Amino acid sequence: MAVTSPSPTVLRRWIAIELRTLRETAGITRPQVAERLQCVASHVSHLETGRNLPNAAELRDLLTYYGVSDRTDGWLSLLAAAKRGKDWWAGWDVPEWFELFLGLESSAVQIESYDALTVPGILQTPDYAEAIIRGGDPELDDAEVDRRLRLRLTRQQILEQDHPPRVWSVLDESALLRPAGKPDQVLRSQLEHLLTLSQRPTVDLQILRLDSGIHAGLHGTFTLLSFPTELIGGTVAYTEDQARGRYYENDNQVLGFRRTLTRVQVHAQSQAESQEILAQRIQELS
């Protein structure tokens, strides 16, 4: 199934966040909203967390109550899209915590990342991705490896859209040295793929040299996903550990990740210099 945007998951999230923001801006409490809608308070909470979507009548009433009835038509369009849409990963048995990331990734207009150990998923070749999946959990059977691999490769379709997201990847040089699968062949093909991708006008790739020393990126890998203001303004920071992914939306938290990324971008080699490093490493592996 093709990757489409915007994701219904992201639309639900946007509706929930905006309803909460509008209520708080208007100085109205959840119990007051429950009284207005003649519902239990938990229903209001579910509307503001994305667990439930409002129906059209509730939405009209809420927007009027919050003093933004002039935005009703646009909101109703978003509500309809959230209800009728289907996320491309439906049926893939994706962990719930990862579903939001897939929605955010497929809807972002800009994806920026610092990767300390390996090439980021949306830039991986099939052989390299398989090596990463198998190396990360050697106990996986072939069927599960294949499922995860197909999921990862399907994510990459966002790069082939008519209007792909802008990708800015800062990659630690150690990823260029770490063997994957057959030490030379798989890694060489992966680096050739990176070099090709870096020629695209929507892809910026920087290598952070090992001799750059101690830097802010030593805190670990992270991704910043930015969105069109008409959908869901702002940026979300994402990190992932062995157990699950974590999302950071607070302005101060996001600013901290933004500052870290800016620092590593400044310390990293330029696009042209990074292409030269890739070409040299490819030659070494040939």
C-alpha atoms as a PDB file:
ATOM      1  CA  MET A   1       0.000   0.000   0.000  1.00  0.00           C
ATOM      2  CA  ALA A   2       1.291   3.452  -0.847  1.00  0.00           C
ATOM      3  CA  VAL A   3       2.202   5.968   1.799  1.00  0.00           C
ATOM      4  CA  THR A   4      -0.288   8.828   1.789  1.00  0.00           C
ATOM      5  CA  SER A   5      -0.446  12.155   3.582  1.00  0.00           C
ATOM      6  CA  PRO A   6      -1.850  13.512   5.746  1.00  0.00           C
ATOM      7  CA  SER A   7      -2.222  10.553   8.060  1.00  0.00           C
ATOM      8  CA  PRO A   8      -5.587  10.064   9.801  1.00  0.00           C
ATOM      9  CA  THR A   9      -3.585   9.388  12.968  1.00  0.00           C
ATOM     10  CA  VAL A  10      -2.024  12.846  12.712  1.00  0.00           C
ATOM     11  CA  LEU A  11      -5.359  14.478  11.904  1.00  0.00           C
ATOM     12  CA  ARG A  12      -6.909  12.900  15.010  1.00  0.00           C
ATOM     13  CA  ARG A  13      -3.966  14.121  17.040  1.00  0.00           C
ATOM     14  CA  TRP A  14      -4.243  17.634  15.620  1.00  0.00           C
ATOM     15  CA  ILE A  15      -7.980  17.815  16.339  1.00  0.00           C
ATOM     16  CA  ALA A  16      -7.434  16.630  19.914  1.00  0.00           C
ATOM     17  CA  ILE A  17      -4.585  19.052  20.637  1.00  0.00           C
ATOM     18  CA  GLU A  18      -6.393  22.011  19.078  1.00  0.00           C
ATOM     19  CA  LEU A  19      -9.619  21.324  20.969  1.00  0.00           C
ATOM     20  CA  ARG A  20      -7.693  21.332  24.225  1.00  0.00           C
ATOM     21  CA  THR A  21      -5.799  24.490  23.259  1.00  0.00           C
ATOM     22  CA  LEU A  22      -8.977  26.320  22.227  1.00  0.00           C
ATOM     23  CA  ARG A  23     -10.695  25.364  25.477  1.00  0.00           C
ATOM     24  CA  GLU A  24      -7.781  26.500  27.625  1.00  0.00           C
ATOM     25  CA  THR A  25      -7.415  29.753  25.658  1.00  0.00           C
ATOM     26  CA  ALA A  26     -11.096  30.453  26.217  1.00  0.00           C
ATOM     27  CA  GLY A  27     -10.675  29.843  29.969  1.00  0.00           C
ATOM     28  CA  ILE A  28     -13.225  27.040  29.996  1.00  0.00           C
ATOM     29  CA  THR A  29     -12.933  23.898  32.131  1.00  0.00           C
ATOM     30  CA  ARG A  30     -13.638  20.346  31.085  1.00  0.00           C
ATOM     31  CA  PRO A  31     -16.628  20.073  33.450  1.00  0.00           C
ATOM     32  CA  GLN A  32     -18.099  23.170  31.783  1.00  0.00           C
ATOM     33  CA  VAL A  33     -17.642  21.566  28.368  1.00  0.00           C
ATOM     34  CA  ALA A  34     -19.276  18.370  29.626  1.00  0.00           C
ATOM     35  CA  GLU A  35     -22.239  20.414  30.829  1.00  0.00           C
ATOM     36  CA  ARG A  36     -22.426  22.205  27.463  1.00  0.00           C
ATOM     37  CA  LEU A  37     -22.395  18.924  25.525  1.00  0.00           C
ATOM     38  CA  GLN A  38     -24.535  17.144  28.112  1.00  0.00           C
ATOM     39  CA  CYS A  39     -22.005  14.322  28.404  1.00  0.00           C
ATOM     40  CA  VAL A  40     -19.733  12.837  31.037  1.00  0.00           C
ATOM     41  CA  ALA A  41     -16.407  14.568  31.742  1.00  0.00           C
ATOM     42  CA  SER A  42     -14.454  11.516  30.548  1.00  0.00           C
ATOM     43  CA  HIS A  43     -15.853  12.035  27.046  1.00  0.00           C
ATOM     44  CA  VAL A  44     -14.345  15.513  26.943  1.00  0.00           C
ATOM     45  CA  SER A  45     -11.039  14.062  28.084  1.00  0.00           C
ATOM     46  CA  HIS A  46     -11.191  11.441  25.334  1.00  0.00           C
ATOM     47  CA  LEU A  47     -11.841  14.147  22.738  1.00  0.00           C
ATOM     48  CA  GLU A  48      -8.750  16.026  23.910  1.00  0.00           C
ATOM     49  CA  THR A  49      -6.464  12.998  23.858  1.00  0.00           C
ATOM     50  CA  GLY A  50      -7.539  11.699  20.461  1.00  0.00           C
ATOM     51  CA  ARG A  51      -9.134   8.544  21.838  1.00  0.00           C
ATOM     52  CA  ASN A  52     -12.462   9.680  20.390  1.00  0.00           C
ATOM     53  CA  LEU A  53     -13.389  12.078  17.611  1.00  0.00           C
ATOM     54  CA  PRO A  54     -16.280  14.503  18.071  1.00  0.00           C
ATOM     55  CA  ASN A  55     -19.277  14.138  15.817  1.00  0.00           C
ATOM     56  CA  ALA A  56     -20.160  17.029  13.517  1.00  0.00           C
ATOM     57  CA  ALA A  57     -22.789  18.452  15.873  1.00  0.00           C
ATOM     58  CA  GLU A  58     -20.414  18.372  18.844  1.00  0.00           C
ATOM     59  CA  LEU A  59     -17.690  20.027  16.807  1.00  0.00           C
ATOM     60  CA  ARG A  60     -19.957  22.873  15.697  1.00  0.00           C
ATOM     61  CA  ASP A  61     -21.101  23.416  19.278  1.00  0.00           C
ATOM     62  CA  LEU A  62     -17.550  23.377  20.650  1.00  0.00           C
ATOM     63  CA  LEU A  63     -16.200  25.830  18.086  1.00  0.00           C
ATOM     64  CA  THR A  64     -19.077  28.192  18.829  1.00  0.00           C
ATOM     65  CA  TYR A  65     -18.491  27.813  22.577  1.00  0.00           C
ATOM     66  CA  TYR A  66     -14.782  28.563  22.116  1.00  0.00           C
ATOM     67  CA  GLY A  67     -15.485  31.630  20.002  1.00  0.00           C
ATOM     68  CA  VAL A  68     -14.093  30.378  16.683  1.00  0.00           C
ATOM     69  CA  SER A  69     -17.229  29.451  14.790  1.00  0.00           C
ATOM     70  CA  ASP A  70     -15.776  31.119  11.689  1.00  0.00           C
ATOM     71  CA  ARG A  71     -13.397  28.139  11.385  1.00  0.00           C
ATOM     72  CA  THR A  72     -16.182  25.548  11.330  1.00  0.00           C
ATOM     73  CA  ASP A  73     -16.037  24.644   7.637  1.00  0.00           C
ATOM     74  CA  GLY A  74     -12.305  23.917   7.735  1.00  0.00           C
ATOM     75  CA  TRP A  75     -12.637  21.880  10.904  1.00  0.00           C
ATOM     76  CA  LEU A  76     -15.482  19.818   9.452  1.00  0.00           C
ATOM     77  CA  SER A  77     -13.321  18.996   6.426  1.00  0.00           C
ATOM     78  CA  LEU A  78     -10.501  17.808   8.692  1.00  0.00           C
ATOM     79  CA  LEU A  79     -12.943  15.796  10.785  1.00  0.00           C
ATOM     80  CA  ALA A  80     -14.306  14.067   7.697  1.00  0.00           C
ATOM     81  CA  ALA A  81     -10.774  13.263   6.483  1.00  0.00           C
ATOM     82  CA  ALA A  82      -9.812  11.857   9.895  1.00  0.00           C
ATOM     83  CA  LYS A  83     -12.875   9.609   9.939  1.00  0.00           C
ATOM     84  CA  ARG A  84     -12.776   8.294   6.392  1.00  0.00           C
ATOM     85  CA  GLY A  85      -9.017   7.985   5.971  1.00  0.00           C
ATOM     86  CA  LYS A  86      -6.948   4.865   6.471  1.00  0.00           C
ATOM     87  CA  ASP A  87      -3.321   4.795   7.525  1.00  0.00           C
ATOM     88  CA  TRP A  88      -1.069   2.932   5.114  1.00  0.00           C
ATOM     89  CA  TRP A  89       0.260   0.665   7.871  1.00  0.00           C
ATOM     90  CA  ALA A  90      -3.188  -0.596   8.891  1.00  0.00           C
ATOM     91  CA  GLY A  91      -2.993  -4.385   9.202  1.00  0.00           C
ATOM     92  CA  TRP A  92       0.787  -4.442   9.731  1.00  0.00           C
ATOM     93  CA  ASP A  93       0.538  -5.221  13.470  1.00  0.00           C
ATOM     94  CA  VAL A  94       2.589  -2.148  14.346  1.00  0.00           C
ATOM     95  CA  PRO A  95       3.178  -1.359  18.054  1.00  0.00           C
ATOM     96  CA  GLU A  96       0.806   1.364  19.201  1.00  0.00           C
ATOM     97  CA  TRP A  97       3.640   3.656  20.277  1.00  0.00           C
ATOM     98  CA  PHE A  98       5.187   3.441  16.785  1.00  0.00           C
ATOM     99  CA  GLU A  99       1.942   4.181  14.930  1.00  0.00           C
ATOM    100  CA  LEU A 100       2.163   7.844  15.867  1.00  0.00           C
ATOM    101  CA  PHE A 101       5.704   8.073  14.522  1.00  0.00           C
ATOM    102  CA  LEU A 102       4.632   6.549  11.197  1.00  0.00           C
ATOM    103  CA  GLY A 103       1.826   9.093  10.975  1.00  0.00           C
ATOM    104  CA  LEU A 104       4.104  11.982  11.850  1.00  0.00           C
ATOM    105  CA  GLU A 105       6.798  10.827   9.424  1.00  0.00           C
ATOM    106  CA  SER A 106       4.369  10.438   6.528  1.00  0.00           C
ATOM    107  CA  SER A 107       2.854  13.889   7.160  1.00  0.00           C
ATOM    108  CA  ALA A 108       6.016  15.901   7.902  1.00  0.00           C
ATOM    109  CA  VAL A 109       7.286  18.549   5.512  1.00  0.00           C
ATOM    110  CA  GLN A 110      10.764  18.323   7.023  1.00  0.00           C
ATOM    111  CA  ILE A 111      12.569  15.411   8.686  1.00  0.00           C
ATOM    112  CA  GLU A 112      15.850  16.214  10.426  1.00  0.00           C
ATOM    113  CA  SER A 113      17.947  13.763  12.365  1.00  0.00           C
ATOM    114  CA  TYR A 114      21.225  13.004  14.034  1.00  0.00           C
ATOM    115  CA  ASP A 115      22.158   9.327  13.893  1.00  0.00           C
ATOM    116  CA  ALA A 116      25.065   8.164  15.994  1.00  0.00           C
ATOM    117  CA  LEU A 117      25.457   4.505  14.999  1.00  0.00           C
ATOM    118  CA  THR A 118      23.577   3.573  11.815  1.00  0.00           C
ATOM    119  CA  VAL A 119      21.998   5.098   8.725  1.00  0.00           C
ATOM    120  CA  PRO A 120      18.419   6.301   9.422  1.00  0.00           C
ATOM    121  CA  GLY A 121      15.631   3.955   8.353  1.00  0.00           C
ATOM    122  CA  ILE A 122      14.197   5.978   5.469  1.00  0.00           C
ATOM    123  CA  LEU A 123      17.661   6.124   3.848  1.00  0.00           C
ATOM    124  CA  GLN A 124      18.557   2.434   4.196  1.00  0.00           C
ATOM    125  CA  THR A 125      19.001  -0.087   1.371  1.00  0.00           C
ATOM    126  CA  PRO A 126      17.115  -3.405   1.686  1.00  0.00           C
ATOM    127  CA  ASP A 127      20.243  -5.449   2.475  1.00  0.00           C
ATOM    128  CA  TYR A 128      21.505  -2.931   5.016  1.00  0.00           C
ATOM    129  CA  ALA A 129      18.056  -2.673   6.641  1.00  0.00           C
ATOM    130  CA  GLU A 130      17.841  -6.454   6.923  1.00  0.00           C
ATOM    131  CA  ALA A 131      21.281  -6.589   8.515  1.00  0.00           C
ATOM    132  CA  ILE A 132      20.253  -3.928  11.045  1.00  0.00           C
ATOM    133  CA  ILE A 133      17.012  -5.746  11.880  1.00  0.00           C
ATOM    134  CA  ARG A 134      18.706  -9.124  12.300  1.00  0.00           C
ATOM    135  CA  GLY A 135      21.611  -7.653  14.236  1.00  0.00           C
ATOM    136  CA  GLY A 136      19.280  -5.778  16.570  1.00  0.00           C
ATOM    137  CA  ASP A 137      17.376  -8.933  17.526  1.00  0.00           C
ATOM    138  CA  PRO A 138      19.004 -12.213  16.447  1.00  0.00           C
ATOM    139  CA  GLU A 139      16.064 -14.176  17.894  1.00  0.00           C
ATOM    140  CA  LEU A 140      13.613 -12.956  15.227  1.00  0.00           C
ATOM    141  CA  ASP A 141      12.374 -15.581  12.781  1.00  0.00           C
ATOM    142  CA  ASP A 142      12.536 -14.983   9.035  1.00  0.00           C
ATOM    143  CA  ALA A 143       8.843 -14.082   8.773  1.00  0.00           C
ATOM    144  CA  GLU A 144       9.152 -11.312  11.352  1.00  0.00           C
ATOM    145  CA  VAL A 145      12.347 -10.015   9.774  1.00  0.00           C
ATOM    146  CA  ASP A 146      10.571  -9.882   6.418  1.00  0.00           C
ATOM    147  CA  ARG A 147       7.583  -8.049   7.938  1.00  0.00           C
ATOM    148  CA  ARG A 148       9.783  -5.422   9.581  1.00  0.00           C
ATOM    149  CA  LEU A 149      11.834  -5.038   6.424  1.00  0.00           C
ATOM    150  CA  ARG A 150       8.771  -4.470   4.240  1.00  0.00           C
ATOM    151  CA  LEU A 151       7.473  -1.924   6.730  1.00  0.00           C
ATOM    152  CA  ARG A 152      10.765  -0.019   6.671  1.00  0.00           C
ATOM    153  CA  LEU A 153      10.980  -0.031   2.884  1.00  0.00           C
ATOM    154  CA  THR A 154       7.369   1.102   2.542  1.00  0.00           C
ATOM    155  CA  ARG A 155       8.157   4.091   4.753  1.00  0.00           C
ATOM    156  CA  GLN A 156      10.709   5.184   2.171  1.00  0.00           C
ATOM    157  CA  GLN A 157       7.965   5.847  -0.391  1.00  0.00           C
ATOM    158  CA  ILE A 158       7.578   9.331   1.094  1.00  0.00           C
ATOM    159  CA  LEU A 159      10.852  10.221  -0.632  1.00  0.00           C
ATOM    160  CA  GLU A 160       9.310   9.418  -4.028  1.00  0.00           C
ATOM    161  CA  GLN A 161       6.233  11.630  -3.671  1.00  0.00           C
ATOM    162  CA  ASP A 162       5.659  14.595  -5.984  1.00  0.00           C
ATOM    163  CA  HIS A 163       6.377  16.827  -3.006  1.00  0.00           C
ATOM    164  CA  PRO A 164       8.681  14.829  -0.726  1.00  0.00           C
ATOM    165  CA  PRO A 165       9.658  16.074   2.716  1.00  0.00           C
ATOM    166  CA  ARG A 166      12.934  17.899   3.103  1.00  0.00           C
ATOM    167  CA  VAL A 167      15.399  15.505   4.724  1.00  0.00           C
ATOM    168  CA  TRP A 168      18.419  16.802   6.607  1.00  0.00           C
ATOM    169  CA  SER A 169      20.482  13.962   8.053  1.00  0.00           C
ATOM    170  CA  VAL A 170      23.626  14.363  10.152  1.00  0.00           C
ATOM    171  CA  LEU A 171      25.354  10.998  10.271  1.00  0.00           C
ATOM    172  CA  ASP A 172      28.192  10.150  12.626  1.00  0.00           C
ATOM    173  CA  GLU A 173      31.231   8.865  10.747  1.00  0.00           C
ATOM    174  CA  SER A 174      31.171   5.693  12.821  1.00  0.00           C
ATOM    175  CA  ALA A 175      28.169   4.529  10.761  1.00  0.00           C
ATOM    176  CA  LEU A 176      30.422   4.555   7.684  1.00  0.00           C
ATOM    177  CA  LEU A 177      32.845   2.189   9.380  1.00  0.00           C
ATOM    178  CA  ARG A 178      30.496  -0.313  11.031  1.00  0.00           C
ATOM    179  CA  PRO A 179      30.126  -3.518   8.941  1.00  0.00           C
ATOM    180  CA  ALA A 180      26.583  -4.710   8.167  1.00  0.00           C
ATOM    181  CA  GLY A 181      25.981  -8.230   6.918  1.00  0.00           C
ATOM    182  CA  LYS A 182      28.707  -9.096   4.428  1.00  0.00           C
ATOM    183  CA  PRO A 183      31.241  -6.495   5.642  1.00  0.00           C
ATOM    184  CA  ASP A 184      32.143  -4.871   2.357  1.00  0.00           C
ATOM    185  CA  GLN A 185      29.323  -5.453  -0.106  1.00  0.00           C
ATOM    186  CA  VAL A 186      26.334  -4.415   2.016  1.00  0.00           C
ATOM    187  CA  LEU A 187      27.988  -1.353   3.528  1.00  0.00           C
ATOM    188  CA  ARG A 188      29.428  -0.245   0.188  1.00  0.00           C
ATOM    189  CA  SER A 189      26.013  -0.450  -1.488  1.00  0.00           C
ATOM    190  CA  GLN A 190      24.503   1.492   1.397  1.00  0.00           C
ATOM    191  CA  LEU A 191      27.077   4.273   1.097  1.00  0.00           C
ATOM    192  CA  GLU A 192      26.593   4.401  -2.674  1.00  0.00           C
ATOM    193  CA  HIS A 193      22.877   4.812  -2.031  1.00  0.00           C
ATOM    194  CA  LEU A 194      23.552   7.659   0.400  1.00  0.00           C
ATOM    195  CA  LEU A 195      25.791   9.372  -2.139  1.00  0.00           C
ATOM    196  CA  THR A 196      23.059   9.128  -4.758  1.00  0.00           C
ATOM    197  CA  LEU A 197      20.389  10.425  -2.387  1.00  0.00           C
ATOM    198  CA  SER A 198      22.600  13.358  -1.401  1.00  0.00           C
ATOM    199  CA  GLN A 199      22.401  14.599  -4.999  1.00  0.00           C
ATOM    200  CA  ARG A 200      18.680  15.228  -4.627  1.00  0.00           C
ATOM    201  CA  PRO A 201      17.603  18.833  -4.010  1.00  0.00           C
ATOM    202  CA  THR A 202      15.436  17.764  -1.067  1.00  0.00           C
ATOM    203  CA  VAL A 203      18.127  15.784   0.761  1.00  0.00           C
ATOM    204  CA  ASP A 204      20.925  17.306   2.840  1.00  0.00           C
ATOM    205  CA  LEU A 205      23.490  14.872   4.193  1.00  0.00           C
ATOM    206  CA  GLN A 206      26.330  15.789   6.539  1.00  0.00           C
ATOM    207  CA  ILE A 207      28.993  13.553   8.048  1.00  0.00           C
ATOM    208  CA  LEU A 208      30.168  14.291  11.575  1.00  0.00           C
ATOM    209  CA  ARG A 209      33.817  13.255  11.651  1.00  0.00           C
ATOM    210  CA  LEU A 210      35.184  11.152  14.474  1.00  0.00           C
ATOM    211  CA  ASP A 211      37.872  13.759  15.087  1.00  0.00           C
ATOM    212  CA  SER A 212      35.203  16.360  15.889  1.00  0.00           C
ATOM    213  CA  GLY A 213      35.689  15.243  19.486  1.00  0.00           C
ATOM    214  CA  ILE A 214      33.159  15.573  22.280  1.00  0.00           C
ATOM    215  CA  HIS A 215      29.962  17.210  21.044  1.00  0.00           C
ATOM    216  CA  ALA A 216      26.270  17.624  21.881  1.00  0.00           C
ATOM    217  CA  GLY A 217      25.307  14.653  19.687  1.00  0.00           C
ATOM    218  CA  LEU A 218      26.845  12.249  22.186  1.00  0.00           C
ATOM    219  CA  HIS A 219      23.504  12.352  24.014  1.00  0.00           C
ATOM    220  CA  GLY A 220      22.235  10.014  21.276  1.00  0.00           C
ATOM    221  CA  THR A 221      20.164   9.656  18.145  1.00  0.00           C
ATOM    222  CA  PHE A 222      16.999  11.723  17.658  1.00  0.00           C
ATOM    223  CA  THR A 223      14.652  12.969  14.946  1.00  0.00           C
ATOM    224  CA  LEU A 224      12.831  16.282  14.523  1.00  0.00           C
ATOM    225  CA  LEU A 225       9.637  16.211  12.468  1.00  0.00           C
ATOM    226  CA  SER A 226       8.132  19.515  11.317  1.00  0.00           C
ATOM    227  CA  PHE A 227       4.660  20.044   9.908  1.00  0.00           C
ATOM    228  CA  PRO A 228       2.700  22.505   7.773  1.00  0.00           C
ATOM    229  CA  THR A 229       1.070  25.133   9.959  1.00  0.00           C
ATOM    230  CA  GLU A 230      -2.347  24.495   8.425  1.00  0.00           C
ATOM    231  CA  LEU A 231      -2.185  20.863   9.602  1.00  0.00           C
ATOM    232  CA  ILE A 232      -0.367  20.887  12.886  1.00  0.00           C
ATOM    233  CA  GLY A 233       2.049  23.700  13.405  1.00  0.00           C
ATOM    234  CA  GLY A 234       5.361  23.206  15.076  1.00  0.00           C
ATOM    235  CA  THR A 235       7.851  20.407  15.506  1.00  0.00           C
ATOM    236  CA  VAL A 236       7.910  17.109  17.390  1.00  0.00           C
ATOM    237  CA  ALA A 237      11.127  15.527  18.665  1.00  0.00           C
ATOM    238  CA  TYR A 238      11.357  11.737  18.706  1.00  0.00           C
ATOM    239  CA  THR A 239      13.772   9.356  20.376  1.00  0.00           C
ATOM    240  CA  GLU A 240      13.701   5.584  20.594  1.00  0.00           C
ATOM    241  CA  ASP A 241      15.206   3.023  22.930  1.00  0.00           C
ATOM    242  CA  GLN A 242      14.992  -0.758  23.055  1.00  0.00           C
ATOM    243  CA  ALA A 243      11.541  -0.705  24.599  1.00  0.00           C
ATOM    244  CA  ARG A 244       9.644   2.113  22.869  1.00  0.00           C
ATOM    245  CA  GLY A 245       9.697   5.531  21.255  1.00  0.00           C
ATOM    246  CA  ARG A 246       9.225   8.823  23.079  1.00  0.00           C
ATOM    247  CA  TYR A 247       7.719  12.057  21.793  1.00  0.00           C
ATOM    248  CA  TYR A 248       8.617  15.552  22.974  1.00  0.00           C
ATOM    249  CA  GLU A 249       6.236  18.374  22.053  1.00  0.00           C
ATOM    250  CA  ASN A 250       6.814  20.964  24.763  1.00  0.00           C
ATOM    251  CA  ASP A 251       8.364  24.089  23.233  1.00  0.00           C
ATOM    252  CA  ASN A 252      11.315  24.074  25.638  1.00  0.00           C
ATOM    253  CA  GLN A 253      11.988  20.377  25.062  1.00  0.00           C
ATOM    254  CA  VAL A 254      11.878  20.763  21.292  1.00  0.00           C
ATOM    255  CA  LEU A 255      14.119  23.814  21.544  1.00  0.00           C
ATOM    256  CA  GLY A 256      16.697  21.719  23.408  1.00  0.00           C
ATOM    257  CA  PHE A 257      16.763  19.158  20.597  1.00  0.00           C
ATOM    258  CA  ARG A 258      16.876  21.946  18.015  1.00  0.00           C
ATOM    259  CA  ARG A 259      19.909  23.498  19.688  1.00  0.00           C
ATOM    260  CA  THR A 260      21.669  20.131  19.807  1.00  0.00           C
ATOM    261  CA  LEU A 261      20.974  19.508  16.135  1.00  0.00           C
ATOM    262  CA  THR A 262      22.207  22.970  15.206  1.00  0.00           C
ATOM    263  CA  ARG A 263      25.445  22.336  17.078  1.00  0.00           C
ATOM    264  CA  VAL A 264      26.129  19.041  15.340  1.00  0.00           C
ATOM    265  CA  GLN A 265      25.224  20.573  11.972  1.00  0.00           C
ATOM    266  CA  VAL A 266      27.784  23.301  12.598  1.00  0.00           C
ATOM    267  CA  HIS A 267      30.480  20.788  13.606  1.00  0.00           C
ATOM    268  CA  ALA A 268      29.697  18.392  10.742  1.00  0.00           C
ATOM    269  CA  GLN A 269      31.252  18.551   7.287  1.00  0.00           C
ATOM    270  CA  SER A 270      29.460  20.443   4.540  1.00  0.00           C
ATOM    271  CA  GLN A 271      27.340  18.635   1.965  1.00  0.00           C
ATOM    272  CA  ALA A 272      30.158  18.683  -0.590  1.00  0.00           C
ATOM    273  CA  GLU A 273      32.771  17.592   1.945  1.00  0.00           C
ATOM    274  CA  SER A 274      30.465  14.827   3.159  1.00  0.00           C
ATOM    275  CA  GLN A 275      30.035  13.564  -0.404  1.00  0.00           C
ATOM    276  CA  GLU A 276      33.812  13.407  -0.712  1.00  0.00           C
ATOM    277  CA  ILE A 277      34.033  11.405   2.521  1.00  0.00           C
ATOM    278  CA  LEU A 278      31.400   8.982   1.233  1.00  0.00           C
ATOM    279  CA  ALA A 279      33.180   8.597  -2.092  1.00  0.00           C
ATOM    280  CA  GLN A 280      36.497   7.935  -0.347  1.00  0.00           C
ATOM    281  CA  ARG A 281      34.959   5.348   1.972  1.00  0.00           C
ATOM    282  CA  ILE A 282      33.267   3.623  -0.984  1.00  0.00           C
ATOM    283  CA  GLN A 283      36.621   3.441  -2.717  1.00  0.00           C
ATOM    284  CA  GLU A 284      38.168   1.878   0.383  1.00  0.00           C
ATOM    285  CA  LEU A 285      35.494  -0.828   0.366  1.00  0.00           C
ATOM    286  CA  SER A 286      35.843  -1.608  -3.347  1.00  0.00           C
END
